[in-house]
Amino acid sequence: MPTITRLATVETTVQAGRAAVVSLRLDNDGFHTYWLVPGDTYRLRFVGFHWQVTGGSWFAAGHSYRLTRAGMPLVSVPTDRGEVVLLPSHEYLIHHVGEGDWWLSRCG
């Protein structure tokens, strides 16, 4: 079983029941700012030149969802501990822990 290490609480804002990671967006056929749904868990995996997001109730197989900073490749995620740099050699989880908080954890 892989080890999951909590790194920090992701900086988010909420609108209409969905959350957004501050300064990041989800790109695919268009872009989505508010995409985190309470109760869902999302996996971040480095694929090619970007961080691919899978999981969540809205996820549709066959679509490529990329987490970006204004359309540019992502390097880090804003958290309560400052910017956490994502390492391509690891996978990460963003998961809802209640009270509006979302945790960033590293797998492996």
PDB file of N, CA and C in Angstrom:
ATOM      1  N   MET A   1       0.848  -1.183   0.000  1.00  0.00           N
ATOM      2  CA  MET A   1       0.000   0.000   0.000  1.00  0.00           C
ATOM      3  C   MET A   1       0.891   1.244   0.000  1.00  0.00           C
ATOM      4  N   PRO A   2       0.635   2.199  -0.911  1.00  0.00           N
ATOM      5  CA  PRO A   2       1.474   3.396  -0.984  1.00  0.00           C
ATOM      6  C   PRO A   2       1.296   4.284   0.246  1.00  0.00           C
ATOM      7  N   THR A   3       2.360   4.975   0.587  1.00  0.00           N
ATOM      8  CA  THR A   3       2.325   5.920   1.688  1.00  0.00           C
ATOM      9  C   THR A   3       1.745   7.238   1.185  1.00  0.00           C
ATOM     10  N   ILE A   4       0.853   7.830   1.972  1.00  0.00           N
ATOM     11  CA  ILE A   4       0.283   9.134   1.636  1.00  0.00           C
ATOM     12  C   ILE A   4       0.707  10.104   2.725  1.00  0.00           C
ATOM     13  N   THR A   5       1.416  11.161   2.320  1.00  0.00           N
ATOM     14  CA  THR A   5       1.944  12.141   3.254  1.00  0.00           C
ATOM     15  C   THR A   5       1.254  13.475   3.051  1.00  0.00           C
ATOM     16  N   ARG A   6       0.585  13.979   4.087  1.00  0.00           N
ATOM     17  CA  ARG A   6      -0.064  15.293   3.999  1.00  0.00           C
ATOM     18  C   ARG A   6       1.016  16.365   3.974  1.00  0.00           C
ATOM     19  N   LEU A   7       0.924  17.272   2.983  1.00  0.00           N
ATOM     20  CA  LEU A   7       1.902  18.337   2.831  1.00  0.00           C
ATOM     21  C   LEU A   7       1.419  19.666   3.377  1.00  0.00           C
ATOM     22  N   ALA A   8       0.160  20.027   3.089  1.00  0.00           N
ATOM     23  CA  ALA A   8      -0.345  21.349   3.469  1.00  0.00           C
ATOM     24  C   ALA A   8      -1.833  21.449   3.134  1.00  0.00           C
ATOM     25  N   THR A   9      -2.442  22.553   3.551  1.00  0.00           N
ATOM     26  CA  THR A   9      -3.815  22.873   3.186  1.00  0.00           C
ATOM     27  C   THR A   9      -3.774  23.791   1.971  1.00  0.00           C
ATOM     28  N   VAL A  10      -4.497  23.408   0.918  1.00  0.00           N
ATOM     29  CA  VAL A  10      -4.515  24.172  -0.330  1.00  0.00           C
ATOM     30  C   VAL A  10      -5.283  25.474  -0.110  1.00  0.00           C
ATOM     31  N   GLU A  11      -4.758  26.568  -0.655  1.00  0.00           N
ATOM     32  CA  GLU A  11      -5.439  27.864  -0.585  1.00  0.00           C
ATOM     33  C   GLU A  11      -6.597  27.851  -1.580  1.00  0.00           C
ATOM     34  N   THR A  12      -7.818  27.989  -1.102  1.00  0.00           N
ATOM     35  CA  THR A  12      -8.987  27.917  -1.972  1.00  0.00           C
ATOM     36  C   THR A  12      -9.967  29.053  -1.681  1.00  0.00           C
ATOM     37  N   THR A  13     -10.859  29.259  -2.643  1.00  0.00           N
ATOM     38  CA  THR A  13     -12.027  30.111  -2.476  1.00  0.00           C
ATOM     39  C   THR A  13     -13.225  29.279  -2.919  1.00  0.00           C
ATOM     40  N   VAL A  14     -14.418  29.663  -2.466  1.00  0.00           N
ATOM     41  CA  VAL A  14     -15.621  28.882  -2.761  1.00  0.00           C
ATOM     42  C   VAL A  14     -16.668  29.762  -3.422  1.00  0.00           C
ATOM     43  N   GLN A  15     -17.351  29.192  -4.418  1.00  0.00           N
ATOM     44  CA  GLN A  15     -18.469  29.868  -5.076  1.00  0.00           C
ATOM     45  C   GLN A  15     -19.466  28.800  -5.519  1.00  0.00           C
ATOM     46  N   ALA A  16     -20.708  28.968  -5.176  1.00  0.00           N
ATOM     47  CA  ALA A  16     -21.800  28.087  -5.596  1.00  0.00           C
ATOM     48  C   ALA A  16     -21.512  26.610  -5.303  1.00  0.00           C
ATOM     49  N   GLY A  17     -20.934  26.340  -4.131  1.00  0.00           N
ATOM     50  CA  GLY A  17     -20.723  24.964  -3.717  1.00  0.00           C
ATOM     51  C   GLY A  17     -19.477  24.288  -4.249  1.00  0.00           C
ATOM     52  N   ARG A  18     -18.729  24.964  -5.128  1.00  0.00           N
ATOM     53  CA  ARG A  18     -17.474  24.408  -5.634  1.00  0.00           C
ATOM     54  C   ARG A  18     -16.328  25.293  -5.171  1.00  0.00           C
ATOM     55  N   ALA A  19     -15.152  24.695  -5.089  1.00  0.00           N
ATOM     56  CA  ALA A  19     -13.977  25.445  -4.657  1.00  0.00           C
ATOM     57  C   ALA A  19     -13.014  25.631  -5.814  1.00  0.00           C
ATOM     58  N   ALA A  20     -12.178  26.650  -5.680  1.00  0.00           N
ATOM     59  CA  ALA A  20     -11.128  26.942  -6.650  1.00  0.00           C
ATOM     60  C   ALA A  20      -9.813  27.032  -5.907  1.00  0.00           C
ATOM     61  N   VAL A  21      -8.762  26.502  -6.509  1.00  0.00           N
ATOM     62  CA  VAL A  21      -7.424  26.702  -5.968  1.00  0.00           C
ATOM     63  C   VAL A  21      -6.995  28.100  -6.390  1.00  0.00           C
ATOM     64  N   VAL A  22      -6.589  28.908  -5.437  1.00  0.00           N
ATOM     65  CA  VAL A  22      -6.203  30.292  -5.712  1.00  0.00           C
ATOM     66  C   VAL A  22      -5.127  30.325  -6.795  1.00  0.00           C
ATOM     67  N   SER A  23      -5.348  31.091  -7.839  1.00  0.00           N
ATOM     68  CA  SER A  23      -4.452  31.354  -8.978  1.00  0.00           C
ATOM     69  C   SER A  23      -4.291  30.187  -9.944  1.00  0.00           C
ATOM     70  N   LEU A  24      -5.025  29.084  -9.749  1.00  0.00           N
ATOM     71  CA  LEU A  24      -4.936  27.945 -10.668  1.00  0.00           C
ATOM     72  C   LEU A  24      -6.280  27.717 -11.340  1.00  0.00           C
ATOM     73  N   ARG A  25      -6.234  27.002 -12.470  1.00  0.00           N
ATOM     74  CA  ARG A  25      -7.479  26.636 -13.146  1.00  0.00           C
ATOM     75  C   ARG A  25      -7.310  25.269 -13.791  1.00  0.00           C
ATOM     76  N   LEU A  26      -8.432  24.668 -14.123  1.00  0.00           N
ATOM     77  CA  LEU A  26      -8.456  23.380 -14.783  1.00  0.00           C
ATOM     78  C   LEU A  26      -8.754  23.607 -16.254  1.00  0.00           C
ATOM     79  N   ASP A  27      -7.869  23.148 -17.128  1.00  0.00           N
ATOM     80  CA  ASP A  27      -8.032  23.325 -18.574  1.00  0.00           C
ATOM     81  C   ASP A  27      -8.362  21.992 -19.229  1.00  0.00           C
ATOM     82  N   ASN A  28      -9.265  22.029 -20.189  1.00  0.00           N
ATOM     83  CA  ASN A  28      -9.502  20.918 -21.118  1.00  0.00           C
ATOM     84  C   ASN A  28     -10.070  21.541 -22.380  1.00  0.00           C
ATOM     85  N   ASP A  29     -11.341  21.343 -22.714  1.00  0.00           N
ATOM     86  CA  ASP A  29     -11.939  21.965 -23.899  1.00  0.00           C
ATOM     87  C   ASP A  29     -12.097  23.473 -23.715  1.00  0.00           C
ATOM     88  N   GLY A  30     -12.104  23.913 -22.517  1.00  0.00           N
ATOM     89  CA  GLY A  30     -12.175  25.314 -22.116  1.00  0.00           C
ATOM     90  C   GLY A  30     -11.424  25.374 -20.803  1.00  0.00           C
ATOM     91  N   PHE A  31     -11.801  26.290 -19.923  1.00  0.00           N
ATOM     92  CA  PHE A  31     -11.163  26.249 -18.611  1.00  0.00           C
ATOM     93  C   PHE A  31     -12.211  26.450 -17.537  1.00  0.00           C
ATOM     94  N   HIS A  32     -11.908  25.900 -16.369  1.00  0.00           N
ATOM     95  CA  HIS A  32     -12.812  25.936 -15.221  1.00  0.00           C
ATOM     96  C   HIS A  32     -12.021  26.418 -14.013  1.00  0.00           C
ATOM     97  N   THR A  33     -12.503  27.476 -13.403  1.00  0.00           N
ATOM     98  CA  THR A  33     -11.848  27.976 -12.200  1.00  0.00           C
ATOM     99  C   THR A  33     -12.345  27.214 -10.980  1.00  0.00           C
ATOM    100  N   TYR A  34     -13.661  27.079 -10.840  1.00  0.00           N
ATOM    101  CA  TYR A  34     -14.254  26.391  -9.692  1.00  0.00           C
ATOM    102  C   TYR A  34     -14.565  24.954 -10.083  1.00  0.00           C
ATOM    103  N   TRP A  35     -13.756  23.996  -9.612  1.00  0.00           N
ATOM    104  CA  TRP A  35     -13.910  22.614 -10.045  1.00  0.00           C
ATOM    105  C   TRP A  35     -13.806  21.601  -8.910  1.00  0.00           C
ATOM    106  N   LEU A  36     -13.377  22.028  -7.731  1.00  0.00           N
ATOM    107  CA  LEU A  36     -13.275  21.114  -6.592  1.00  0.00           C
ATOM    108  C   LEU A  36     -14.650  20.933  -5.959  1.00  0.00           C
ATOM    109  N   VAL A  37     -15.146  19.702  -5.941  1.00  0.00           N
ATOM    110  CA  VAL A  37     -16.462  19.389  -5.393  1.00  0.00           C
ATOM    111  C   VAL A  37     -16.276  18.739  -4.024  1.00  0.00           C
ATOM    112  N   PRO A  38     -16.879  19.298  -2.964  1.00  0.00           N
ATOM    113  CA  PRO A  38     -16.725  18.705  -1.635  1.00  0.00           C
ATOM    114  C   PRO A  38     -17.040  17.208  -1.639  1.00  0.00           C
ATOM    115  N   GLY A  39     -16.187  16.449  -0.959  1.00  0.00           N
ATOM    116  CA  GLY A  39     -16.353  15.011  -0.886  1.00  0.00           C
ATOM    117  C   GLY A  39     -15.551  14.251  -1.927  1.00  0.00           C
ATOM    118  N   ASP A  40     -15.102  14.926  -2.980  1.00  0.00           N
ATOM    119  CA  ASP A  40     -14.320  14.279  -4.039  1.00  0.00           C
ATOM    120  C   ASP A  40     -12.826  14.317  -3.720  1.00  0.00           C
ATOM    121  N   THR A  41     -12.100  13.389  -4.317  1.00  0.00           N
ATOM    122  CA  THR A  41     -10.635  13.343  -4.232  1.00  0.00           C
ATOM    123  C   THR A  41     -10.086  13.379  -5.648  1.00  0.00           C
ATOM    124  N   TYR A  42      -9.044  14.173  -5.850  1.00  0.00           N
ATOM    125  CA  TYR A  42      -8.443  14.347  -7.166  1.00  0.00           C
ATOM    126  C   TYR A  42      -6.984  13.916  -7.126  1.00  0.00           C
ATOM    127  N   ARG A  43      -6.539  13.241  -8.182  1.00  0.00           N
ATOM    128  CA  ARG A  43      -5.146  12.797  -8.300  1.00  0.00           C
ATOM    129  C   ARG A  43      -4.446  13.667  -9.335  1.00  0.00           C
ATOM    130  N   LEU A  44      -3.245  14.147  -8.982  1.00  0.00           N
ATOM    131  CA  LEU A  44      -2.404  14.926  -9.889  1.00  0.00           C
ATOM    132  C   LEU A  44      -1.230  14.051 -10.302  1.00  0.00           C
ATOM    133  N   ARG A  45      -1.048  13.921 -11.607  1.00  0.00           N
ATOM    134  CA  ARG A  45       0.029  13.088 -12.159  1.00  0.00           C
ATOM    135  C   ARG A  45       0.689  13.873 -13.287  1.00  0.00           C
ATOM    136  N   PHE A  46       2.019  13.897 -13.295  1.00  0.00           N
ATOM    137  CA  PHE A  46       2.743  14.608 -14.349  1.00  0.00           C
ATOM    138  C   PHE A  46       2.741  13.759 -15.609  1.00  0.00           C
ATOM    139  N   VAL A  47       2.184  14.305 -16.699  1.00  0.00           N
ATOM    140  CA  VAL A  47       2.082  13.598 -17.981  1.00  0.00           C
ATOM    141  C   VAL A  47       2.607  14.530 -19.065  1.00  0.00           C
ATOM    142  N   GLY A  48       3.702  14.156 -19.688  1.00  0.00           N
ATOM    143  CA  GLY A  48       4.263  14.997 -20.755  1.00  0.00           C
ATOM    144  C   GLY A  48       4.825  16.286 -20.202  1.00  0.00           C
ATOM    145  N   PHE A  49       4.094  17.385 -20.412  1.00  0.00           N
ATOM    146  CA  PHE A  49       4.547  18.700 -19.965  1.00  0.00           C
ATOM    147  C   PHE A  49       3.594  19.357 -18.981  1.00  0.00           C
ATOM    148  N   HIS A  50       2.611  18.602 -18.489  1.00  0.00           N
ATOM    149  CA  HIS A  50       1.627  19.227 -17.606  1.00  0.00           C
ATOM    150  C   HIS A  50       1.187  18.270 -16.502  1.00  0.00           C
ATOM    151  N   TRP A  51       0.467  18.819 -15.519  1.00  0.00           N
ATOM    152  CA  TRP A  51      -0.097  18.033 -14.426  1.00  0.00           C
ATOM    153  C   TRP A  51      -1.531  17.675 -14.787  1.00  0.00           C
ATOM    154  N   GLN A  52      -1.771  16.389 -14.971  1.00  0.00           N
ATOM    155  CA  GLN A  52      -3.097  15.884 -15.329  1.00  0.00           C
ATOM    156  C   GLN A  52      -3.899  15.616 -14.058  1.00  0.00           C
ATOM    157  N   VAL A  53      -5.188  15.993 -14.089  1.00  0.00           N
ATOM    158  CA  VAL A  53      -6.096  15.773 -12.960  1.00  0.00           C
ATOM    159  C   VAL A  53      -7.084  14.685 -13.328  1.00  0.00           C
ATOM    160  N   THR A  54      -7.236  13.699 -12.445  1.00  0.00           N
ATOM    161  CA  THR A  54      -8.251  12.663 -12.608  1.00  0.00           C
ATOM    162  C   THR A  54      -9.023  12.536 -11.307  1.00  0.00           C
ATOM    163  N   GLY A  55     -10.204  11.923 -11.411  1.00  0.00           N
ATOM    164  CA  GLY A  55     -11.040  11.728 -10.230  1.00  0.00           C
ATOM    165  C   GLY A  55     -12.111  12.785 -10.138  1.00  0.00           C
ATOM    166  N   GLY A  56     -12.959  12.632  -9.177  1.00  0.00           N
ATOM    167  CA  GLY A  56     -14.037  13.592  -8.988  1.00  0.00           C
ATOM    168  C   GLY A  56     -15.294  13.180  -9.710  1.00  0.00           C
ATOM    169  N   SER A  57     -16.415  13.660  -9.240  1.00  0.00           N
ATOM    170  CA  SER A  57     -17.717  13.270  -9.792  1.00  0.00           C
ATOM    171  C   SER A  57     -17.931  13.778 -11.214  1.00  0.00           C
ATOM    172  N   TRP A  58     -17.250  14.834 -11.643  1.00  0.00           N
ATOM    173  CA  TRP A  58     -17.424  15.404 -12.986  1.00  0.00           C
ATOM    174  C   TRP A  58     -16.467  14.784 -13.998  1.00  0.00           C
ATOM    175  N   PHE A  59     -15.496  13.988 -13.531  1.00  0.00           N
ATOM    176  CA  PHE A  59     -14.470  13.439 -14.410  1.00  0.00           C
ATOM    177  C   PHE A  59     -15.081  12.546 -15.491  1.00  0.00           C
ATOM    178  N   ALA A  60     -14.660  12.733 -16.745  1.00  0.00           N
ATOM    179  CA  ALA A  60     -15.121  11.914 -17.867  1.00  0.00           C
ATOM    180  C   ALA A  60     -13.907  11.271 -18.534  1.00  0.00           C
ATOM    181  N   ALA A  61     -13.895   9.949 -18.567  1.00  0.00           N
ATOM    182  CA  ALA A  61     -12.795   9.232 -19.200  1.00  0.00           C
ATOM    183  C   ALA A  61     -12.640   9.695 -20.653  1.00  0.00           C
ATOM    184  N   GLY A  62     -11.417   9.755 -21.125  1.00  0.00           N
ATOM    185  CA  GLY A  62     -11.163  10.182 -22.491  1.00  0.00           C
ATOM    186  C   GLY A  62     -10.865  11.666 -22.621  1.00  0.00           C
ATOM    187  N   HIS A  63     -11.133  12.451 -21.569  1.00  0.00           N
ATOM    188  CA  HIS A  63     -10.809  13.875 -21.571  1.00  0.00           C
ATOM    189  C   HIS A  63      -9.509  14.079 -20.811  1.00  0.00           C
ATOM    190  N   SER A  64      -8.706  15.018 -21.242  1.00  0.00           N
ATOM    191  CA  SER A  64      -7.461  15.346 -20.562  1.00  0.00           C
ATOM    192  C   SER A  64      -7.657  16.651 -19.805  1.00  0.00           C
ATOM    193  N   TYR A  65      -7.656  16.564 -18.486  1.00  0.00           N
ATOM    194  CA  TYR A  65      -7.820  17.739 -17.632  1.00  0.00           C
ATOM    195  C   TYR A  65      -6.450  18.120 -17.086  1.00  0.00           C
ATOM    196  N   ARG A  66      -6.031  19.366 -17.342  1.00  0.00           N
ATOM    197  CA  ARG A  66      -4.713  19.842 -16.941  1.00  0.00           C
ATOM    198  C   ARG A  66      -4.853  20.965 -15.927  1.00  0.00           C
ATOM    199  N   LEU A  67      -4.110  20.870 -14.846  1.00  0.00           N
ATOM    200  CA  LEU A  67      -4.088  21.937 -13.864  1.00  0.00           C
ATOM    201  C   LEU A  67      -3.011  22.925 -14.292  1.00  0.00           C
ATOM    202  N   THR A  68      -3.399  24.192 -14.458  1.00  0.00           N
ATOM    203  CA  THR A  68      -2.471  25.203 -14.979  1.00  0.00           C
ATOM    204  C   THR A  68      -2.554  26.480 -14.152  1.00  0.00           C
ATOM    205  N   ARG A  69      -1.607  27.350 -14.413  1.00  0.00           N
ATOM    206  CA  ARG A  69      -1.635  28.701 -13.853  1.00  0.00           C
ATOM    207  C   ARG A  69      -1.867  29.623 -15.032  1.00  0.00           C
ATOM    208  N   ALA A  70      -3.121  30.050 -15.221  1.00  0.00           N
ATOM    209  CA  ALA A  70      -3.515  30.905 -16.348  1.00  0.00           C
ATOM    210  C   ALA A  70      -3.105  30.309 -17.694  1.00  0.00           C
ATOM    211  N   GLY A  71      -3.280  28.999 -17.837  1.00  0.00           N
ATOM    212  CA  GLY A  71      -2.973  28.333 -19.084  1.00  0.00           C
ATOM    213  C   GLY A  71      -1.529  27.897 -19.249  1.00  0.00           C
ATOM    214  N   MET A  72      -0.670  28.312 -18.348  1.00  0.00           N
ATOM    215  CA  MET A  72       0.749  27.953 -18.414  1.00  0.00           C
ATOM    216  C   MET A  72       1.006  26.718 -17.549  1.00  0.00           C
ATOM    217  N   PRO A  73       2.042  25.952 -17.869  1.00  0.00           N
ATOM    218  CA  PRO A  73       2.343  24.758 -17.080  1.00  0.00           C
ATOM    219  C   PRO A  73       2.518  25.077 -15.598  1.00  0.00           C
ATOM    220  N   LEU A  74       2.064  24.176 -14.783  1.00  0.00           N
ATOM    221  CA  LEU A  74       2.080  24.336 -13.334  1.00  0.00           C
ATOM    222  C   LEU A  74       3.416  23.876 -12.762  1.00  0.00           C
ATOM    223  N   VAL A  75       3.902  24.589 -11.758  1.00  0.00           N
ATOM    224  CA  VAL A  75       5.121  24.206 -11.054  1.00  0.00           C
ATOM    225  C   VAL A  75       4.818  23.963  -9.583  1.00  0.00           C
ATOM    226  N   SER A  76       3.886  24.749  -9.030  1.00  0.00           N
ATOM    227  CA  SER A  76       3.613  24.675  -7.599  1.00  0.00           C
ATOM    228  C   SER A  76       2.135  24.943  -7.317  1.00  0.00           C
ATOM    229  N   VAL A  77       1.738  24.613  -6.087  1.00  0.00           N
ATOM    230  CA  VAL A  77       0.362  24.813  -5.634  1.00  0.00           C
ATOM    231  C   VAL A  77       0.390  25.738  -4.416  1.00  0.00           C
ATOM    232  N   PRO A  78      -0.450  26.785  -4.390  1.00  0.00           N
ATOM    233  CA  PRO A  78      -0.480  27.682  -3.237  1.00  0.00           C
ATOM    234  C   PRO A  78      -1.139  26.999  -2.030  1.00  0.00           C
ATOM    235  N   THR A  79      -0.461  27.087  -0.884  1.00  0.00           N
ATOM    236  CA  THR A  79      -0.965  26.452   0.337  1.00  0.00           C
ATOM    237  C   THR A  79      -0.773  27.377   1.528  1.00  0.00           C
ATOM    238  N   ASP A  80      -1.259  26.923   2.661  1.00  0.00           N
ATOM    239  CA  ASP A  80      -1.081  27.680   3.900  1.00  0.00           C
ATOM    240  C   ASP A  80       0.385  27.719   4.330  1.00  0.00           C
ATOM    241  N   ARG A  81       1.230  26.938   3.700  1.00  0.00           N
ATOM    242  CA  ARG A  81       2.669  26.908   4.008  1.00  0.00           C
ATOM    243  C   ARG A  81       3.490  27.530   2.887  1.00  0.00           C
ATOM    244  N   GLY A  82       2.847  28.315   2.034  1.00  0.00           N
ATOM    245  CA  GLY A  82       3.513  28.898   0.879  1.00  0.00           C
ATOM    246  C   GLY A  82       3.336  27.998  -0.332  1.00  0.00           C
ATOM    247  N   GLU A  83       4.050  28.280  -1.383  1.00  0.00           N
ATOM    248  CA  GLU A  83       3.962  27.489  -2.614  1.00  0.00           C
ATOM    249  C   GLU A  83       4.652  26.139  -2.409  1.00  0.00           C
ATOM    250  N   VAL A  84       3.924  25.048  -2.642  1.00  0.00           N
ATOM    251  CA  VAL A  84       4.504  23.712  -2.579  1.00  0.00           C
ATOM    252  C   VAL A  84       4.858  23.295  -4.005  1.00  0.00           C
ATOM    253  N   VAL A  85       6.141  23.087  -4.256  1.00  0.00           N
ATOM    254  CA  VAL A  85       6.617  22.684  -5.581  1.00  0.00           C
ATOM    255  C   VAL A  85       6.259  21.219  -5.811  1.00  0.00           C
ATOM    256  N   LEU A  86       5.648  20.935  -6.970  1.00  0.00           N
ATOM    257  CA  LEU A  86       5.280  19.574  -7.332  1.00  0.00           C
ATOM    258  C   LEU A  86       6.448  18.917  -8.066  1.00  0.00           C
ATOM    259  N   LEU A  87       6.796  17.726  -7.645  1.00  0.00           N
ATOM    260  CA  LEU A  87       7.894  16.983  -8.256  1.00  0.00           C
ATOM    261  C   LEU A  87       7.331  15.978  -9.253  1.00  0.00           C
ATOM    262  N   PRO A  88       7.767  16.010 -10.512  1.00  0.00           N
ATOM    263  CA  PRO A  88       7.230  15.099 -11.524  1.00  0.00           C
ATOM    264  C   PRO A  88       7.371  13.616 -11.166  1.00  0.00           C
ATOM    265  N   SER A  89       8.298  13.275 -10.291  1.00  0.00           N
ATOM    266  CA  SER A  89       8.508  11.880  -9.902  1.00  0.00           C
ATOM    267  C   SER A  89       7.470  11.374  -8.896  1.00  0.00           C
ATOM    268  N   HIS A  90       6.582  12.249  -8.440  1.00  0.00           N
ATOM    269  CA  HIS A  90       5.553  11.873  -7.466  1.00  0.00           C
ATOM    270  C   HIS A  90       4.152  12.130  -8.014  1.00  0.00           C
ATOM    271  N   GLU A  91       3.175  11.461  -7.420  1.00  0.00           N
ATOM    272  CA  GLU A  91       1.768  11.777  -7.650  1.00  0.00           C
ATOM    273  C   GLU A  91       1.252  12.445  -6.389  1.00  0.00           C
ATOM    274  N   TYR A  92       0.194  13.254  -6.569  1.00  0.00           N
ATOM    275  CA  TYR A  92      -0.366  14.009  -5.451  1.00  0.00           C
ATOM    276  C   TYR A  92      -1.876  13.824  -5.411  1.00  0.00           C
ATOM    277  N   LEU A  93      -2.434  14.037  -4.234  1.00  0.00           N
ATOM    278  CA  LEU A  93      -3.886  14.035  -4.051  1.00  0.00           C
ATOM    279  C   LEU A  93      -4.306  15.388  -3.520  1.00  0.00           C
ATOM    280  N   ILE A  94      -5.454  15.858  -3.994  1.00  0.00           N
ATOM    281  CA  ILE A  94      -6.130  16.994  -3.369  1.00  0.00           C
ATOM    282  C   ILE A  94      -7.451  16.427  -2.887  1.00  0.00           C
ATOM    283  N   HIS A  95      -7.674  16.465  -1.584  1.00  0.00           N
ATOM    284  CA  HIS A  95      -8.891  15.862  -1.053  1.00  0.00           C
ATOM    285  C   HIS A  95      -9.527  16.754   0.001  1.00  0.00           C
ATOM    286  N   HIS A  96     -10.841  16.717   0.020  1.00  0.00           N
ATOM    287  CA  HIS A  96     -11.660  17.536   0.900  1.00  0.00           C
ATOM    288  C   HIS A  96     -11.667  16.917   2.287  1.00  0.00           C
ATOM    289  N   VAL A  97     -11.441  17.746   3.296  1.00  0.00           N
ATOM    290  CA  VAL A  97     -11.418  17.238   4.668  1.00  0.00           C
ATOM    291  C   VAL A  97     -12.457  17.914   5.556  1.00  0.00           C
ATOM    292  N   GLY A  98     -13.431  18.580   4.950  1.00  0.00           N
ATOM    293  CA  GLY A  98     -14.486  19.240   5.714  1.00  0.00           C
ATOM    294  C   GLY A  98     -14.118  20.663   6.088  1.00  0.00           C
ATOM    295  N   GLU A  99     -15.108  21.384   6.578  1.00  0.00           N
ATOM    296  CA  GLU A  99     -14.927  22.782   6.967  1.00  0.00           C
ATOM    297  C   GLU A  99     -14.317  23.631   5.853  1.00  0.00           C
ATOM    298  N   GLY A 100     -14.502  23.215   4.604  1.00  0.00           N
ATOM    299  CA  GLY A 100     -13.992  23.981   3.472  1.00  0.00           C
ATOM    300  C   GLY A 100     -12.528  23.764   3.167  1.00  0.00           C
ATOM    301  N   ASP A 101     -11.849  22.921   3.964  1.00  0.00           N
ATOM    302  CA  ASP A 101     -10.419  22.691   3.750  1.00  0.00           C
ATOM    303  C   ASP A 101     -10.152  21.578   2.751  1.00  0.00           C
ATOM    304  N   TRP A 102      -9.119  21.798   1.954  1.00  0.00           N
ATOM    305  CA  TRP A 102      -8.633  20.823   0.979  1.00  0.00           C
ATOM    306  C   TRP A 102      -7.166  20.582   1.264  1.00  0.00           C
ATOM    307  N   TRP A 103      -6.793  19.312   1.407  1.00  0.00           N
ATOM    308  CA  TRP A 103      -5.408  18.964   1.688  1.00  0.00           C
ATOM    309  C   TRP A 103      -4.685  18.540   0.435  1.00  0.00           C
ATOM    310  N   LEU A 104      -3.421  18.908   0.355  1.00  0.00           N
ATOM    311  CA  LEU A 104      -2.527  18.408  -0.677  1.00  0.00           C
ATOM    312  C   LEU A 104      -1.659  17.350  -0.025  1.00  0.00           C
ATOM    313  N   SER A 105      -1.650  16.153  -0.607  1.00  0.00           N
ATOM    314  CA  SER A 105      -0.849  15.046  -0.084  1.00  0.00           C
ATOM    315  C   SER A 105      -0.036  14.445  -1.216  1.00  0.00           C
ATOM    316  N   ARG A 106       1.128  13.892  -0.853  1.00  0.00           N
ATOM    317  CA  ARG A 106       1.999  13.229  -1.812  1.00  0.00           C
ATOM    318  C   ARG A 106       1.849  11.718  -1.648  1.00  0.00           C
ATOM    319  N   CYS A 107       1.763  11.012  -2.759  1.00  0.00           N
ATOM    320  CA  CYS A 107       1.660   9.541  -2.759  1.00  0.00           C
ATOM    321  C   CYS A 107       3.041   8.958  -2.992  1.00  0.00           C
ATOM    322  N   GLY A 108       3.332   7.881  -2.305  1.00  0.00           N
ATOM    323  CA  GLY A 108       4.590   7.167  -2.559  1.00  0.00           C
ATOM    324  C   GLY A 108       5.615   7.355  -1.504  1.00  0.00           C
TER     325      GLY A 108
END
